[in-house]
Amino acid sequence: MTYVISSACVDVKHKACMQECPVDCIYEGDRTMYINPVECVECGACRILCEVDAIYFESDLPDEEKKFLADNAAFFTEVLPGRDAPIGNPGGACELGPVGVDTPLVAALPVHQS
């Protein structure tokens, strides 16, 4: 089980969740953030600080957001456009820095106007 970032984060990326994560497992894509399901320790600190209520425990995802469970994992396991290899489990988002790309699902979403 893990926490998952839903569509509410796309084009918002407040990053309060990233700063609060005690294991540094929230990575920055181009348009959204992604939680590494292997590195997440399920503490819930990210969910509490999310300013747009975009983070859910995977069993609590609304039906329309369930596709983001596999999508968050795919960010780490699949070769993303513009990259030569999967991101994998680098052991910390701060050291890796912004990845600059998203999964095909997120990249295809309409741009959120604030």
C-alpha atoms as a PDB file:
ATOM      1  CA  MET A   1       0.000   0.000   0.000  1.00  0.00           C
ATOM      2  CA  THR A   2       1.087   3.570  -0.627  1.00  0.00           C
ATOM      3  CA  TYR A   3      -0.086   7.126  -0.983  1.00  0.00           C
ATOM      4  CA  VAL A   4      -0.963   8.398  -4.455  1.00  0.00           C
ATOM      5  CA  ILE A   5      -1.036  11.867  -5.975  1.00  0.00           C
ATOM      6  CA  SER A   6      -4.201  12.463  -8.002  1.00  0.00           C
ATOM      7  CA  SER A   7      -5.177  14.791 -10.831  1.00  0.00           C
ATOM      8  CA  ALA A   8      -5.755  17.710  -8.421  1.00  0.00           C
ATOM      9  CA  CYS A   9      -1.972  18.285  -8.325  1.00  0.00           C
ATOM     10  CA  VAL A  10      -1.547  18.609 -12.092  1.00  0.00           C
ATOM     11  CA  ASP A  11      -0.350  22.128 -12.997  1.00  0.00           C
ATOM     12  CA  VAL A  12      -0.440  23.128  -9.305  1.00  0.00           C
ATOM     13  CA  LYS A  13       2.584  21.501  -7.579  1.00  0.00           C
ATOM     14  CA  HIS A  14       2.569  23.381  -4.247  1.00  0.00           C
ATOM     15  CA  LYS A  15       5.379  21.080  -3.033  1.00  0.00           C
ATOM     16  CA  ALA A  16       4.482  21.325   0.674  1.00  0.00           C
ATOM     17  CA  CYS A  17       4.131  17.541   0.549  1.00  0.00           C
ATOM     18  CA  MET A  18       7.653  17.150  -0.796  1.00  0.00           C
ATOM     19  CA  GLN A  19       9.142  19.255   1.986  1.00  0.00           C
ATOM     20  CA  GLU A  20       7.280  17.314   4.691  1.00  0.00           C
ATOM     21  CA  CYS A  21       8.106  13.790   3.485  1.00  0.00           C
ATOM     22  CA  PRO A  22      10.506  12.201   6.010  1.00  0.00           C
ATOM     23  CA  VAL A  23      11.907   9.754   3.445  1.00  0.00           C
ATOM     24  CA  ASP A  24      12.125  12.163   0.475  1.00  0.00           C
ATOM     25  CA  CYS A  25      10.003   9.933  -1.785  1.00  0.00           C
ATOM     26  CA  ILE A  26       7.950  12.615  -3.591  1.00  0.00           C
ATOM     27  CA  TYR A  27       9.474  13.424  -6.972  1.00  0.00           C
ATOM     28  CA  GLU A  28       8.790  16.369  -9.252  1.00  0.00           C
ATOM     29  CA  GLY A  29       7.689  15.768 -12.815  1.00  0.00           C
ATOM     30  CA  ASP A  30       6.993  18.525 -15.314  1.00  0.00           C
ATOM     31  CA  ARG A  31       3.329  19.137 -14.403  1.00  0.00           C
ATOM     32  CA  THR A  32       2.776  17.141 -11.207  1.00  0.00           C
ATOM     33  CA  MET A  33       4.407  15.347  -8.301  1.00  0.00           C
ATOM     34  CA  TYR A  34       4.776  11.567  -7.967  1.00  0.00           C
ATOM     35  CA  ILE A  35       5.127   9.369  -4.868  1.00  0.00           C
ATOM     36  CA  ASN A  36       7.554   6.484  -5.240  1.00  0.00           C
ATOM     37  CA  PRO A  37       5.544   3.469  -3.980  1.00  0.00           C
ATOM     38  CA  VAL A  38       8.699   1.526  -3.075  1.00  0.00           C
ATOM     39  CA  GLU A  39      10.221   4.337  -1.014  1.00  0.00           C
ATOM     40  CA  CYS A  40       6.984   5.529   0.682  1.00  0.00           C
ATOM     41  CA  VAL A  41       6.675   4.508   4.351  1.00  0.00           C
ATOM     42  CA  GLU A  42       2.949   5.354   4.488  1.00  0.00           C
ATOM     43  CA  CYS A  43       3.266   7.968   7.255  1.00  0.00           C
ATOM     44  CA  GLY A  44       0.627  10.277   5.731  1.00  0.00           C
ATOM     45  CA  ALA A  45       2.528  13.506   6.405  1.00  0.00           C
ATOM     46  CA  CYS A  46       2.196  14.465   2.730  1.00  0.00           C
ATOM     47  CA  ARG A  47      -1.572  14.060   2.717  1.00  0.00           C
ATOM     48  CA  ILE A  48      -2.024  16.311   5.736  1.00  0.00           C
ATOM     49  CA  LEU A  49      -0.080  19.194   4.175  1.00  0.00           C
ATOM     50  CA  CYS A  50      -1.411  18.953   0.624  1.00  0.00           C
ATOM     51  CA  GLU A  51      -3.051  22.299  -0.073  1.00  0.00           C
ATOM     52  CA  VAL A  52      -5.301  20.937  -2.829  1.00  0.00           C
ATOM     53  CA  ASP A  53      -6.278  17.571  -1.273  1.00  0.00           C
ATOM     54  CA  ALA A  54      -4.592  15.697  -4.104  1.00  0.00           C
ATOM     55  CA  ILE A  55      -3.060  12.894  -2.020  1.00  0.00           C
ATOM     56  CA  TYR A  56      -4.955   9.732  -1.086  1.00  0.00           C
ATOM     57  CA  PHE A  57      -4.084   6.439   0.507  1.00  0.00           C
ATOM     58  CA  GLU A  58      -4.412   4.026  -2.404  1.00  0.00           C
ATOM     59  CA  SER A  59      -7.474   2.241  -0.984  1.00  0.00           C
ATOM     60  CA  ASP A  60      -9.224   5.631  -0.566  1.00  0.00           C
ATOM     61  CA  LEU A  61      -8.786   6.844  -4.155  1.00  0.00           C
ATOM     62  CA  PRO A  62     -12.095   7.959  -5.712  1.00  0.00           C
ATOM     63  CA  ASP A  63     -13.073   5.771  -8.664  1.00  0.00           C
ATOM     64  CA  GLU A  64     -12.264   8.493 -11.195  1.00  0.00           C
ATOM     65  CA  GLU A  65      -8.733   8.807  -9.743  1.00  0.00           C
ATOM     66  CA  LYS A  66      -7.820   5.094  -9.541  1.00  0.00           C
ATOM     67  CA  LYS A  67      -5.840   5.283 -12.782  1.00  0.00           C
ATOM     68  CA  PHE A  68      -3.300   7.414 -10.905  1.00  0.00           C
ATOM     69  CA  LEU A  69      -2.275   4.463  -8.712  1.00  0.00           C
ATOM     70  CA  ALA A  70      -0.672   2.663 -11.661  1.00  0.00           C
ATOM     71  CA  ASP A  71       0.420   5.960 -13.175  1.00  0.00           C
ATOM     72  CA  ASN A  72       2.386   7.037 -10.074  1.00  0.00           C
ATOM     73  CA  ALA A  73       4.205   3.676 -10.138  1.00  0.00           C
ATOM     74  CA  ALA A  74       4.807   3.938 -13.899  1.00  0.00           C
ATOM     75  CA  PHE A  75       6.674   7.209 -13.368  1.00  0.00           C
ATOM     76  CA  PHE A  76       9.408   5.163 -11.692  1.00  0.00           C
ATOM     77  CA  THR A  77       9.252   1.879 -13.620  1.00  0.00           C
ATOM     78  CA  GLU A  78       8.745   2.869 -17.259  1.00  0.00           C
ATOM     79  CA  VAL A  79      11.022   4.719 -19.665  1.00  0.00           C
ATOM     80  CA  LEU A  80       9.432   8.155 -19.922  1.00  0.00           C
ATOM     81  CA  PRO A  81       9.564  10.338 -23.044  1.00  0.00           C
ATOM     82  CA  GLY A  82      12.942  12.045 -23.282  1.00  0.00           C
ATOM     83  CA  ARG A  83      14.682   9.625 -20.893  1.00  0.00           C
ATOM     84  CA  ASP A  84      16.948   6.687 -21.672  1.00  0.00           C
ATOM     85  CA  ALA A  85      16.021   4.529 -18.678  1.00  0.00           C
ATOM     86  CA  PRO A  86      13.414   4.296 -15.923  1.00  0.00           C
ATOM     87  CA  ILE A  87      13.915   6.530 -12.898  1.00  0.00           C
ATOM     88  CA  GLY A  88      13.773   3.499 -10.625  1.00  0.00           C
ATOM     89  CA  ASN A  89      14.259   3.963  -6.895  1.00  0.00           C
ATOM     90  CA  PRO A  90      16.947   6.630  -6.580  1.00  0.00           C
ATOM     91  CA  GLY A  91      16.553   6.903  -2.810  1.00  0.00           C
ATOM     92  CA  GLY A  92      15.648  10.564  -2.629  1.00  0.00           C
ATOM     93  CA  ALA A  93      13.973  13.259  -4.670  1.00  0.00           C
ATOM     94  CA  CYS A  94      16.129  16.137  -3.426  1.00  0.00           C
ATOM     95  CA  GLU A  95      19.328  14.628  -4.766  1.00  0.00           C
ATOM     96  CA  LEU A  96      17.716  13.704  -8.106  1.00  0.00           C
ATOM     97  CA  GLY A  97      16.029  17.082  -8.569  1.00  0.00           C
ATOM     98  CA  PRO A  98      13.137  17.860 -10.929  1.00  0.00           C
ATOM     99  CA  VAL A  99      12.739  15.168 -13.576  1.00  0.00           C
ATOM    100  CA  GLY A 100      11.178  17.522 -16.140  1.00  0.00           C
ATOM    101  CA  VAL A 101       8.878  14.957 -17.769  1.00  0.00           C
ATOM    102  CA  ASP A 102       5.588  13.269 -16.922  1.00  0.00           C
ATOM    103  CA  THR A 103       3.878  10.001 -17.646  1.00  0.00           C
ATOM    104  CA  PRO A 104       1.869   9.880 -20.880  1.00  0.00           C
ATOM    105  CA  LEU A 105      -1.361  10.011 -18.828  1.00  0.00           C
ATOM    106  CA  VAL A 106      -0.434  13.293 -17.129  1.00  0.00           C
ATOM    107  CA  ALA A 107       1.155  14.791 -20.240  1.00  0.00           C
ATOM    108  CA  ALA A 108      -2.107  14.227 -22.149  1.00  0.00           C
ATOM    109  CA  LEU A 109      -4.331  15.951 -19.568  1.00  0.00           C
ATOM    110  CA  PRO A 110      -5.681  19.400 -20.476  1.00  0.00           C
ATOM    111  CA  VAL A 111      -3.731  22.269 -18.946  1.00  0.00           C
ATOM    112  CA  HIS A 112      -5.305  23.367 -15.654  1.00  0.00           C
ATOM    113  CA  GLN A 113      -5.961  27.112 -15.598  1.00  0.00           C
ATOM    114  CA  SER A 114      -5.797  28.637 -12.119  1.00  0.00           C
END
